[in-house]
Amino acid sequence: MHLLHFIGHDLAVAVSCIACIIGLVLLWNQNQHDNDLEATETILLRMSFSYWLVYCIAFAIQKIVSPELESLLMILKMTTVLSYFLTFSCVIILPLHRFAVHNIED
């Protein structure tokens, strides 16, 4: 049962890594903005995808690196934690930003 859980999590991280790359490619082509508010939302989305991509890559490298390299594993674990929290903060800030802009317009 635990093996199935680990395989499922690894598969979810792999799929989300591909989705992040697709999202960044789609956002890369979107350079024209009508105002600064749309530009800010695009930047927040790019940051979210970028931080999550860093998480996915660091997570994959953790699986590949041997347990004997403890210092490298510790750095990778810190990278995954930091990128996870940065992704979370960007995801939280985006709706807050939209809410603040909506209140200013009213």
PDB file of N, CA and C in Angstrom:
ATOM      1  N   MET A   1       0.822  -1.192   0.000  1.00  0.00           N
ATOM      2  CA  MET A   1       0.000   0.000   0.000  1.00  0.00           C
ATOM      3  C   MET A   1       0.869   1.260   0.000  1.00  0.00           C
ATOM      4  N   HIS A   2       1.950   1.245   0.786  1.00  0.00           N
ATOM      5  CA  HIS A   2       2.826   2.412   0.835  1.00  0.00           C
ATOM      6  C   HIS A   2       3.531   2.611  -0.496  1.00  0.00           C
ATOM      7  N   LEU A   3       3.876   1.530  -1.172  1.00  0.00           N
ATOM      8  CA  LEU A   3       4.537   1.636  -2.467  1.00  0.00           C
ATOM      9  C   LEU A   3       3.617   2.309  -3.480  1.00  0.00           C
ATOM     10  N   LEU A   4       2.342   1.955  -3.446  1.00  0.00           N
ATOM     11  CA  LEU A   4       1.378   2.566  -4.348  1.00  0.00           C
ATOM     12  C   LEU A   4       1.240   4.064  -4.064  1.00  0.00           C
ATOM     13  N   HIS A   5       1.281   4.438  -2.788  1.00  0.00           N
ATOM     14  CA  HIS A   5       1.207   5.850  -2.413  1.00  0.00           C
ATOM     15  C   HIS A   5       2.412   6.609  -2.955  1.00  0.00           C
ATOM     16  N   PHE A   6       3.609   6.049  -2.815  1.00  0.00           N
ATOM     17  CA  PHE A   6       4.812   6.721  -3.298  1.00  0.00           C
ATOM     18  C   PHE A   6       4.812   6.835  -4.810  1.00  0.00           C
ATOM     19  N   ILE A   7       4.378   5.779  -5.494  1.00  0.00           N
ATOM     20  CA  ILE A   7       4.325   5.834  -6.951  1.00  0.00           C
ATOM     21  C   ILE A   7       3.299   6.868  -7.399  1.00  0.00           C
ATOM     22  N   GLY A   8       2.178   6.937  -6.715  1.00  0.00           N
ATOM     23  CA  GLY A   8       1.161   7.927  -7.049  1.00  0.00           C
ATOM     24  C   GLY A   8       1.650   9.349  -6.852  1.00  0.00           C
ATOM     25  N   HIS A   9       2.375   9.578  -5.765  1.00  0.00           N
ATOM     26  CA  HIS A   9       2.910  10.922  -5.505  1.00  0.00           C
ATOM     27  C   HIS A   9       3.959  11.280  -6.544  1.00  0.00           C
ATOM     28  N   ASP A  10       4.837  10.342  -6.870  1.00  0.00           N
ATOM     29  CA  ASP A  10       5.852  10.603  -7.891  1.00  0.00           C
ATOM     30  C   ASP A  10       5.210  10.902  -9.240  1.00  0.00           C
ATOM     31  N   LEU A  11       4.157  10.168  -9.569  1.00  0.00           N
ATOM     32  CA  LEU A  11       3.452  10.401 -10.826  1.00  0.00           C
ATOM     33  C   LEU A  11       2.779  11.775 -10.825  1.00  0.00           C
ATOM     34  N   ALA A  12       2.194  12.155  -9.705  1.00  0.00           N
ATOM     35  CA  ALA A  12       1.553  13.468  -9.607  1.00  0.00           C
ATOM     36  C   ALA A  12       2.578  14.591  -9.755  1.00  0.00           C
ATOM     37  N   VAL A  13       3.748  14.430  -9.174  1.00  0.00           N
ATOM     38  CA  VAL A  13       4.798  15.443  -9.309  1.00  0.00           C
ATOM     39  C   VAL A  13       5.290  15.509 -10.746  1.00  0.00           C
ATOM     40  N   ALA A  14       5.415  14.365 -11.407  1.00  0.00           N
ATOM     41  CA  ALA A  14       5.855  14.356 -12.806  1.00  0.00           C
ATOM     42  C   ALA A  14       4.835  15.037 -13.708  1.00  0.00           C
ATOM     43  N   VAL A  15       3.569  14.760 -13.501  1.00  0.00           N
ATOM     44  CA  VAL A  15       2.520  15.393 -14.313  1.00  0.00           C
ATOM     45  C   VAL A  15       2.463  16.893 -14.041  1.00  0.00           C
ATOM     46  N   SER A  16       2.604  17.293 -12.781  1.00  0.00           N
ATOM     47  CA  SER A  16       2.574  18.720 -12.474  1.00  0.00           C
ATOM     48  C   SER A  16       3.807  19.439 -13.025  1.00  0.00           C
ATOM     49  N   CYS A  17       4.925  18.734 -13.133  1.00  0.00           N
ATOM     50  CA  CYS A  17       6.124  19.319 -13.739  1.00  0.00           C
ATOM     51  C   CYS A  17       5.869  19.623 -15.211  1.00  0.00           C
ATOM     52  N   ILE A  18       5.246  18.691 -15.915  1.00  0.00           N
ATOM     53  CA  ILE A  18       4.916  18.905 -17.324  1.00  0.00           C
ATOM     54  C   ILE A  18       3.901  20.036 -17.457  1.00  0.00           C
ATOM     55  N   ALA A  19       2.927  20.075 -16.555  1.00  0.00           N
ATOM     56  CA  ALA A  19       1.925  21.144 -16.586  1.00  0.00           C
ATOM     57  C   ALA A  19       2.570  22.507 -16.328  1.00  0.00           C
ATOM     58  N   CYS A  20       3.556  22.560 -15.453  1.00  0.00           N
ATOM     59  CA  CYS A  20       4.261  23.821 -15.180  1.00  0.00           C
ATOM     60  C   CYS A  20       4.999  24.308 -16.421  1.00  0.00           C
ATOM     61  N   ILE A  21       5.635  23.393 -17.116  1.00  0.00           N
ATOM     62  CA  ILE A  21       6.357  23.772 -18.333  1.00  0.00           C
ATOM     63  C   ILE A  21       5.380  24.302 -19.375  1.00  0.00           C
ATOM     64  N   ILE A  22       4.245  23.638 -19.528  1.00  0.00           N
ATOM     65  CA  ILE A  22       3.230  24.105 -20.480  1.00  0.00           C
ATOM     66  C   ILE A  22       2.695  25.472 -20.055  1.00  0.00           C
ATOM     67  N   GLY A  23       2.438  25.651 -18.766  1.00  0.00           N
ATOM     68  CA  GLY A  23       1.949  26.935 -18.274  1.00  0.00           C
ATOM     69  C   GLY A  23       2.944  28.061 -18.501  1.00  0.00           C
ATOM     70  N   LEU A  24       4.212  27.788 -18.269  1.00  0.00           N
ATOM     71  CA  LEU A  24       5.233  28.815 -18.501  1.00  0.00           C
ATOM     72  C   LEU A  24       5.346  29.160 -19.977  1.00  0.00           C
ATOM     73  N   VAL A  25       5.228  28.153 -20.852  1.00  0.00           N
ATOM     74  CA  VAL A  25       5.277  28.422 -22.291  1.00  0.00           C
ATOM     75  C   VAL A  25       4.086  29.280 -22.709  1.00  0.00           C
ATOM     76  N   LEU A  26       2.906  28.967 -22.184  1.00  0.00           N
ATOM     77  CA  LEU A  26       1.728  29.765 -22.517  1.00  0.00           C
ATOM     78  C   LEU A  26       1.843  31.194 -21.995  1.00  0.00           C
ATOM     79  N   LEU A  27       2.394  31.369 -20.798  1.00  0.00           N
ATOM     80  CA  LEU A  27       2.559  32.711 -20.237  1.00  0.00           C
ATOM     81  C   LEU A  27       3.704  33.472 -20.890  1.00  0.00           C
ATOM     82  N   TRP A  28       4.659  32.749 -21.453  1.00  0.00           N
ATOM     83  CA  TRP A  28       5.802  33.394 -22.084  1.00  0.00           C
ATOM     84  C   TRP A  28       5.354  34.213 -23.299  1.00  0.00           C
ATOM     85  N   ASN A  29       4.362  33.707 -24.021  1.00  0.00           N
ATOM     86  CA  ASN A  29       3.878  34.393 -25.224  1.00  0.00           C
ATOM     87  C   ASN A  29       2.964  35.558 -24.902  1.00  0.00           C
ATOM     88  N   GLN A  30       2.541  35.686 -23.672  1.00  0.00           N
ATOM     89  CA  GLN A  30       1.612  36.733 -23.277  1.00  0.00           C
ATOM     90  C   GLN A  30       2.394  37.920 -22.716  1.00  0.00           C
ATOM     91  N   ASN A  31       2.879  38.781 -23.591  1.00  0.00           N
ATOM     92  CA  ASN A  31       3.703  39.905 -23.161  1.00  0.00           C
ATOM     93  C   ASN A  31       2.958  41.235 -23.179  1.00  0.00           C
ATOM     94  N   GLN A  32       1.856  41.312 -23.912  1.00  0.00           N
ATOM     95  CA  GLN A  32       1.140  42.577 -24.015  1.00  0.00           C
ATOM     96  C   GLN A  32       0.081  42.662 -22.922  1.00  0.00           C
ATOM     97  N   HIS A  33       0.128  43.757 -22.180  1.00  0.00           N
ATOM     98  CA  HIS A  33      -0.822  43.971 -21.093  1.00  0.00           C
ATOM     99  C   HIS A  33      -1.425  45.357 -21.247  1.00  0.00           C
ATOM    100  N   ASP A  34      -2.714  45.447 -20.919  1.00  0.00           N
ATOM    101  CA  ASP A  34      -3.404  46.724 -21.004  1.00  0.00           C
ATOM    102  C   ASP A  34      -3.012  47.663 -19.869  1.00  0.00           C
ATOM    103  N   ASN A  35      -2.731  47.083 -18.706  1.00  0.00           N
ATOM    104  CA  ASN A  35      -2.380  47.922 -17.562  1.00  0.00           C
ATOM    105  C   ASN A  35      -1.422  47.167 -16.641  1.00  0.00           C
ATOM    106  N   ASP A  36      -1.012  47.853 -15.596  1.00  0.00           N
ATOM    107  CA  ASP A  36      -0.066  47.267 -14.652  1.00  0.00           C
ATOM    108  C   ASP A  36      -0.680  46.133 -13.837  1.00  0.00           C
ATOM    109  N   LEU A  37      -1.981  46.165 -13.642  1.00  0.00           N
ATOM    110  CA  LEU A  37      -2.637  45.129 -12.845  1.00  0.00           C
ATOM    111  C   LEU A  37      -2.587  43.774 -13.534  1.00  0.00           C
ATOM    112  N   GLU A  38      -2.819  43.757 -14.842  1.00  0.00           N
ATOM    113  CA  GLU A  38      -2.714  42.502 -15.587  1.00  0.00           C
ATOM    114  C   GLU A  38      -1.271  42.021 -15.627  1.00  0.00           C
ATOM    115  N   ALA A  39      -0.333  42.940 -15.729  1.00  0.00           N
ATOM    116  CA  ALA A  39       1.077  42.571 -15.728  1.00  0.00           C
ATOM    117  C   ALA A  39       1.462  41.937 -14.393  1.00  0.00           C
ATOM    118  N   THR A  40       0.941  42.482 -13.304  1.00  0.00           N
ATOM    119  CA  THR A  40       1.222  41.925 -11.987  1.00  0.00           C
ATOM    120  C   THR A  40       0.658  40.524 -11.852  1.00  0.00           C
ATOM    121  N   GLU A  41      -0.557  40.301 -12.361  1.00  0.00           N
ATOM    122  CA  GLU A  41      -1.150  38.968 -12.301  1.00  0.00           C
ATOM    123  C   GLU A  41      -0.347  37.968 -13.121  1.00  0.00           C
ATOM    124  N   THR A  42       0.132  38.380 -14.289  1.00  0.00           N
ATOM    125  CA  THR A  42       0.947  37.501 -15.120  1.00  0.00           C
ATOM    126  C   THR A  42       2.257  37.161 -14.423  1.00  0.00           C
ATOM    127  N   ILE A  43       2.858  38.139 -13.790  1.00  0.00           N
ATOM    128  CA  ILE A  43       4.117  37.895 -13.074  1.00  0.00           C
ATOM    129  C   ILE A  43       3.888  36.933 -11.911  1.00  0.00           C
ATOM    130  N   LEU A  44       2.791  37.101 -11.191  1.00  0.00           N
ATOM    131  CA  LEU A  44       2.490  36.188 -10.082  1.00  0.00           C
ATOM    132  C   LEU A  44       2.261  34.762 -10.582  1.00  0.00           C
ATOM    133  N   LEU A  45       1.576  34.620 -11.703  1.00  0.00           N
ATOM    134  CA  LEU A  45       1.378  33.284 -12.276  1.00  0.00           C
ATOM    135  C   LEU A  45       2.700  32.668 -12.719  1.00  0.00           C
ATOM    136  N   ARG A  46       3.541  33.474 -13.370  1.00  0.00           N
ATOM    137  CA  ARG A  46       4.859  32.971 -13.787  1.00  0.00           C
ATOM    138  C   ARG A  46       5.683  32.533 -12.570  1.00  0.00           C
ATOM    139  N   MET A  47       5.634  33.333 -11.512  1.00  0.00           N
ATOM    140  CA  MET A  47       6.375  32.982 -10.304  1.00  0.00           C
ATOM    141  C   MET A  47       5.850  31.682  -9.706  1.00  0.00           C
ATOM    142  N   SER A  48       4.538  31.501  -9.691  1.00  0.00           N
ATOM    143  CA  SER A  48       3.952  30.278  -9.148  1.00  0.00           C
ATOM    144  C   SER A  48       4.430  29.061  -9.924  1.00  0.00           C
ATOM    145  N   PHE A  49       4.340  29.147 -11.250  1.00  0.00           N
ATOM    146  CA  PHE A  49       4.780  28.024 -12.072  1.00  0.00           C
ATOM    147  C   PHE A  49       6.275  27.775 -11.937  1.00  0.00           C
ATOM    148  N   SER A  50       7.051  28.837 -11.876  1.00  0.00           N
ATOM    149  CA  SER A  50       8.506  28.682 -11.773  1.00  0.00           C
ATOM    150  C   SER A  50       8.910  28.047 -10.445  1.00  0.00           C
ATOM    151  N   TYR A  51       8.327  28.518  -9.356  1.00  0.00           N
ATOM    152  CA  TYR A  51       8.655  27.946  -8.051  1.00  0.00           C
ATOM    153  C   TYR A  51       8.238  26.481  -7.972  1.00  0.00           C
ATOM    154  N   TRP A  52       7.074  26.159  -8.542  1.00  0.00           N
ATOM    155  CA  TRP A  52       6.638  24.764  -8.498  1.00  0.00           C
ATOM    156  C   TRP A  52       7.524  23.890  -9.379  1.00  0.00           C
ATOM    157  N   LEU A  53       8.011  24.427 -10.481  1.00  0.00           N
ATOM    158  CA  LEU A  53       8.936  23.681 -11.331  1.00  0.00           C
ATOM    159  C   LEU A  53      10.233  23.403 -10.588  1.00  0.00           C
ATOM    160  N   VAL A  54      10.710  24.379  -9.825  1.00  0.00           N
ATOM    161  CA  VAL A  54      11.905  24.160  -8.996  1.00  0.00           C
ATOM    162  C   VAL A  54      11.640  23.057  -7.976  1.00  0.00           C
ATOM    163  N   TYR A  55      10.442  23.060  -7.378  1.00  0.00           N
ATOM    164  CA  TYR A  55      10.083  21.996  -6.437  1.00  0.00           C
ATOM    165  C   TYR A  55      10.127  20.637  -7.120  1.00  0.00           C
ATOM    166  N   CYS A  56       9.531  20.530  -8.290  1.00  0.00           N
ATOM    167  CA  CYS A  56       9.482  19.245  -8.999  1.00  0.00           C
ATOM    168  C   CYS A  56      10.875  18.743  -9.357  1.00  0.00           C
ATOM    169  N   ILE A  57      11.718  19.647  -9.812  1.00  0.00           N
ATOM    170  CA  ILE A  57      13.073  19.249 -10.186  1.00  0.00           C
ATOM    171  C   ILE A  57      13.878  18.826  -8.963  1.00  0.00           C
ATOM    172  N   ALA A  58      13.784  19.590  -7.885  1.00  0.00           N
ATOM    173  CA  ALA A  58      14.512  19.232  -6.659  1.00  0.00           C
ATOM    174  C   ALA A  58      13.995  17.910  -6.091  1.00  0.00           C
ATOM    175  N   PHE A  59      12.691  17.682  -6.179  1.00  0.00           N
ATOM    176  CA  PHE A  59      12.102  16.426  -5.709  1.00  0.00           C
ATOM    177  C   PHE A  59      12.623  15.248  -6.539  1.00  0.00           C
ATOM    178  N   ALA A  60      12.712  15.431  -7.858  1.00  0.00           N
ATOM    179  CA  ALA A  60      13.207  14.362  -8.722  1.00  0.00           C
ATOM    180  C   ALA A  60      14.682  14.072  -8.452  1.00  0.00           C
ATOM    181  N   ILE A  61      15.458  15.106  -8.234  1.00  0.00           N
ATOM    182  CA  ILE A  61      16.885  14.900  -7.947  1.00  0.00           C
ATOM    183  C   ILE A  61      17.058  14.189  -6.608  1.00  0.00           C
ATOM    184  N   GLN A  62      16.184  14.481  -5.642  1.00  0.00           N
ATOM    185  CA  GLN A  62      16.236  13.775  -4.350  1.00  0.00           C
ATOM    186  C   GLN A  62      16.061  12.274  -4.540  1.00  0.00           C
ATOM    187  N   LYS A  63      15.218  11.888  -5.460  1.00  0.00           N
ATOM    188  CA  LYS A  63      14.973  10.462  -5.706  1.00  0.00           C
ATOM    189  C   LYS A  63      16.166   9.791  -6.368  1.00  0.00           C
ATOM    190  N   ILE A  64      16.946  10.562  -7.129  1.00  0.00           N
ATOM    191  CA  ILE A  64      18.070  10.001  -7.881  1.00  0.00           C
ATOM    192  C   ILE A  64      19.335   9.917  -7.034  1.00  0.00           C
ATOM    193  N   VAL A  65      19.578  10.927  -6.205  1.00  0.00           N
ATOM    194  CA  VAL A  65      20.822  11.024  -5.431  1.00  0.00           C
ATOM    195  C   VAL A  65      20.873   9.915  -4.382  1.00  0.00           C
ATOM    196  N   SER A  66      22.043   9.362  -4.218  1.00  0.00           N
ATOM    197  CA  SER A  66      22.201   8.290  -3.227  1.00  0.00           C
ATOM    198  C   SER A  66      22.162   8.866  -1.807  1.00  0.00           C
ATOM    199  N   PRO A  67      21.710   8.070  -0.844  1.00  0.00           N
ATOM    200  CA  PRO A  67      21.611   8.549   0.551  1.00  0.00           C
ATOM    201  C   PRO A  67      22.967   8.841   1.198  1.00  0.00           C
ATOM    202  N   GLU A  68      24.042   8.423   0.577  1.00  0.00           N
ATOM    203  CA  GLU A  68      25.368   8.662   1.149  1.00  0.00           C
ATOM    204  C   GLU A  68      25.768  10.137   1.086  1.00  0.00           C
ATOM    205  N   LEU A  69      25.199  10.881   0.152  1.00  0.00           N
ATOM    206  CA  LEU A  69      25.522  12.300   0.013  1.00  0.00           C
ATOM    207  C   LEU A  69      24.552  13.126   0.858  1.00  0.00           C
ATOM    208  N   GLU A  70      24.772  13.100   2.161  1.00  0.00           N
ATOM    209  CA  GLU A  70      23.833  13.736   3.085  1.00  0.00           C
ATOM    210  C   GLU A  70      23.756  15.245   2.912  1.00  0.00           C
ATOM    211  N   SER A  71      24.874  15.893   2.644  1.00  0.00           N
ATOM    212  CA  SER A  71      24.855  17.352   2.509  1.00  0.00           C
ATOM    213  C   SER A  71      24.056  17.776   1.280  1.00  0.00           C
ATOM    214  N   LEU A  72      24.201  17.050   0.189  1.00  0.00           N
ATOM    215  CA  LEU A  72      23.437  17.364  -1.008  1.00  0.00           C
ATOM    216  C   LEU A  72      21.952  17.103  -0.792  1.00  0.00           C
ATOM    217  N   LEU A  73      21.630  16.026  -0.110  1.00  0.00           N
ATOM    218  CA  LEU A  73      20.232  15.729   0.188  1.00  0.00           C
ATOM    219  C   LEU A  73      19.613  16.797   1.085  1.00  0.00           C
ATOM    220  N   MET A  74      20.377  17.303   2.032  1.00  0.00           N
ATOM    221  CA  MET A  74      19.871  18.355   2.918  1.00  0.00           C
ATOM    222  C   MET A  74      19.601  19.637   2.129  1.00  0.00           C
ATOM    223  N   ILE A  75      20.488  19.985   1.222  1.00  0.00           N
ATOM    224  CA  ILE A  75      20.284  21.166   0.386  1.00  0.00           C
ATOM    225  C   ILE A  75      19.053  20.996  -0.488  1.00  0.00           C
ATOM    226  N   LEU A  76      18.876  19.807  -1.056  1.00  0.00           N
ATOM    227  CA  LEU A  76      17.706  19.553  -1.890  1.00  0.00           C
ATOM    228  C   LEU A  76      16.412  19.606  -1.078  1.00  0.00           C
ATOM    229  N   LYS A  77      16.453  19.099   0.138  1.00  0.00           N
ATOM    230  CA  LYS A  77      15.259  19.161   0.992  1.00  0.00           C
ATOM    231  C   LYS A  77      14.915  20.598   1.343  1.00  0.00           C
ATOM    232  N   MET A  78      15.924  21.405   1.638  1.00  0.00           N
ATOM    233  CA  MET A  78      15.667  22.819   1.937  1.00  0.00           C
ATOM    234  C   MET A  78      15.132  23.537   0.701  1.00  0.00           C
ATOM    235  N   THR A  79      15.648  23.180  -0.469  1.00  0.00           N
ATOM    236  CA  THR A  79      15.165  23.783  -1.710  1.00  0.00           C
ATOM    237  C   THR A  79      13.705  23.430  -1.957  1.00  0.00           C
ATOM    238  N   THR A  80      13.342  22.167  -1.717  1.00  0.00           N
ATOM    239  CA  THR A  80      11.949  21.769  -1.930  1.00  0.00           C
ATOM    240  C   THR A  80      11.020  22.486  -0.945  1.00  0.00           C
ATOM    241  N   VAL A  81      11.449  22.616   0.287  1.00  0.00           N
ATOM    242  CA  VAL A  81      10.606  23.295   1.282  1.00  0.00           C
ATOM    243  C   VAL A  81      10.444  24.776   0.929  1.00  0.00           C
ATOM    244  N   LEU A  82      11.533  25.439   0.591  1.00  0.00           N
ATOM    245  CA  LEU A  82      11.448  26.864   0.246  1.00  0.00           C
ATOM    246  C   LEU A  82      10.604  27.094  -1.006  1.00  0.00           C
ATOM    247  N   SER A  83      10.803  26.270  -2.018  1.00  0.00           N
ATOM    248  CA  SER A  83      10.021  26.456  -3.238  1.00  0.00           C
ATOM    249  C   SER A  83       8.552  26.129  -3.005  1.00  0.00           C
ATOM    250  N   TYR A  84       8.283  25.174  -2.134  1.00  0.00           N
ATOM    251  CA  TYR A  84       6.893  24.847  -1.794  1.00  0.00           C
ATOM    252  C   TYR A  84       6.216  26.040  -1.121  1.00  0.00           C
ATOM    253  N   PHE A  85       6.889  26.649  -0.158  1.00  0.00           N
ATOM    254  CA  PHE A  85       6.316  27.802   0.536  1.00  0.00           C
ATOM    255  C   PHE A  85       6.203  29.025  -0.375  1.00  0.00           C
ATOM    256  N   LEU A  86       7.173  29.222  -1.262  1.00  0.00           N
ATOM    257  CA  LEU A  86       7.084  30.341  -2.199  1.00  0.00           C
ATOM    258  C   LEU A  86       5.928  30.150  -3.168  1.00  0.00           C
ATOM    259  N   THR A  87       5.726  28.912  -3.627  1.00  0.00           N
ATOM    260  CA  THR A  87       4.588  28.624  -4.494  1.00  0.00           C
ATOM    261  C   THR A  87       3.284  28.896  -3.760  1.00  0.00           C
ATOM    262  N   PHE A  88       3.202  28.438  -2.525  1.00  0.00           N
ATOM    263  CA  PHE A  88       2.003  28.652  -1.723  1.00  0.00           C
ATOM    264  C   PHE A  88       1.726  30.136  -1.540  1.00  0.00           C
ATOM    265  N   SER A  89       2.762  30.907  -1.278  1.00  0.00           N
ATOM    266  CA  SER A  89       2.550  32.345  -1.068  1.00  0.00           C
ATOM    267  C   SER A  89       2.091  33.034  -2.353  1.00  0.00           C
ATOM    268  N   CYS A  90       2.634  32.636  -3.497  1.00  0.00           N
ATOM    269  CA  CYS A  90       2.190  33.234  -4.761  1.00  0.00           C
ATOM    270  C   CYS A  90       0.744  32.863  -5.065  1.00  0.00           C
ATOM    271  N   VAL A  91       0.373  31.622  -4.760  1.00  0.00           N
ATOM    272  CA  VAL A  91      -0.998  31.185  -5.006  1.00  0.00           C
ATOM    273  C   VAL A  91      -1.966  31.932  -4.086  1.00  0.00           C
ATOM    274  N   ILE A  92      -1.554  32.240  -2.880  1.00  0.00           N
ATOM    275  CA  ILE A  92      -2.401  32.992  -1.954  1.00  0.00           C
ATOM    276  C   ILE A  92      -2.470  34.469  -2.345  1.00  0.00           C
ATOM    277  N   ILE A  93      -1.368  35.031  -2.803  1.00  0.00           N
ATOM    278  CA  ILE A  93      -1.312  36.451  -3.130  1.00  0.00           C
ATOM    279  C   ILE A  93      -2.145  36.783  -4.360  1.00  0.00           C
ATOM    280  N   LEU A  94      -2.241  35.879  -5.318  1.00  0.00           N
ATOM    281  CA  LEU A  94      -2.967  36.176  -6.559  1.00  0.00           C
ATOM    282  C   LEU A  94      -4.435  36.518  -6.321  1.00  0.00           C
ATOM    283  N   PRO A  95      -5.215  35.703  -5.598  1.00  0.00           N
ATOM    284  CA  PRO A  95      -6.606  36.125  -5.355  1.00  0.00           C
ATOM    285  C   PRO A  95      -6.710  37.358  -4.449  1.00  0.00           C
ATOM    286  N   LEU A  96      -5.765  37.511  -3.525  1.00  0.00           N
ATOM    287  CA  LEU A  96      -5.772  38.713  -2.685  1.00  0.00           C
ATOM    288  C   LEU A  96      -5.530  39.967  -3.519  1.00  0.00           C
ATOM    289  N   HIS A  97      -4.651  39.845  -4.499  1.00  0.00           N
ATOM    290  CA  HIS A  97      -4.378  40.969  -5.394  1.00  0.00           C
ATOM    291  C   HIS A  97      -5.621  41.304  -6.209  1.00  0.00           C
ATOM    292  N   ARG A  98      -6.285  40.280  -6.744  1.00  0.00           N
ATOM    293  CA  ARG A  98      -7.515  40.523  -7.515  1.00  0.00           C
ATOM    294  C   ARG A  98      -8.588  41.166  -6.640  1.00  0.00           C
ATOM    295  N   PHE A  99      -8.705  40.709  -5.404  1.00  0.00           N
ATOM    296  CA  PHE A  99      -9.678  41.276  -4.483  1.00  0.00           C
ATOM    297  C   PHE A  99      -9.365  42.742  -4.191  1.00  0.00           C
ATOM    298  N   ALA A 100      -8.095  43.051  -3.990  1.00  0.00           N
ATOM    299  CA  ALA A 100      -7.694  44.429  -3.718  1.00  0.00           C
ATOM    300  C   ALA A 100      -7.962  45.326  -4.928  1.00  0.00           C
ATOM    301  N   VAL A 101      -7.694  44.822  -6.116  1.00  0.00           N
ATOM    302  CA  VAL A 101      -7.948  45.603  -7.329  1.00  0.00           C
ATOM    303  C   VAL A 101      -9.445  45.816  -7.510  1.00  0.00           C
ATOM    304  N   HIS A 102     -10.238  44.801  -7.215  1.00  0.00           N
ATOM    305  CA  HIS A 102     -11.690  44.921  -7.337  1.00  0.00           C
ATOM    306  C   HIS A 102     -12.236  45.963  -6.357  1.00  0.00           C
ATOM    307  N   ASN A 103     -11.696  46.010  -5.160  1.00  0.00           N
ATOM    308  CA  ASN A 103     -12.130  47.008  -4.176  1.00  0.00           C
ATOM    309  C   ASN A 103     -11.732  48.415  -4.575  1.00  0.00           C
ATOM    310  N   ILE A 104     -10.584  48.577  -5.224  1.00  0.00           N
ATOM    311  CA  ILE A 104     -10.137  49.896  -5.656  1.00  0.00           C
ATOM    312  C   ILE A 104     -11.030  50.416  -6.782  1.00  0.00           C
ATOM    313  N   GLU A 105     -11.431  49.524  -7.711  1.00  0.00           N
ATOM    314  CA  GLU A 105     -12.270  49.928  -8.823  1.00  0.00           C
ATOM    315  C   GLU A 105     -13.661  50.330  -8.391  1.00  0.00           C
ATOM    316  N   ASP A 106     -14.166  49.710  -7.327  1.00  0.00           N
ATOM    317  CA  ASP A 106     -15.508  50.048  -6.840  1.00  0.00           C
ATOM    318  C   ASP A 106     -15.462  51.384  -6.149  1.00  0.00           C
TER     319      ASP A 106
END
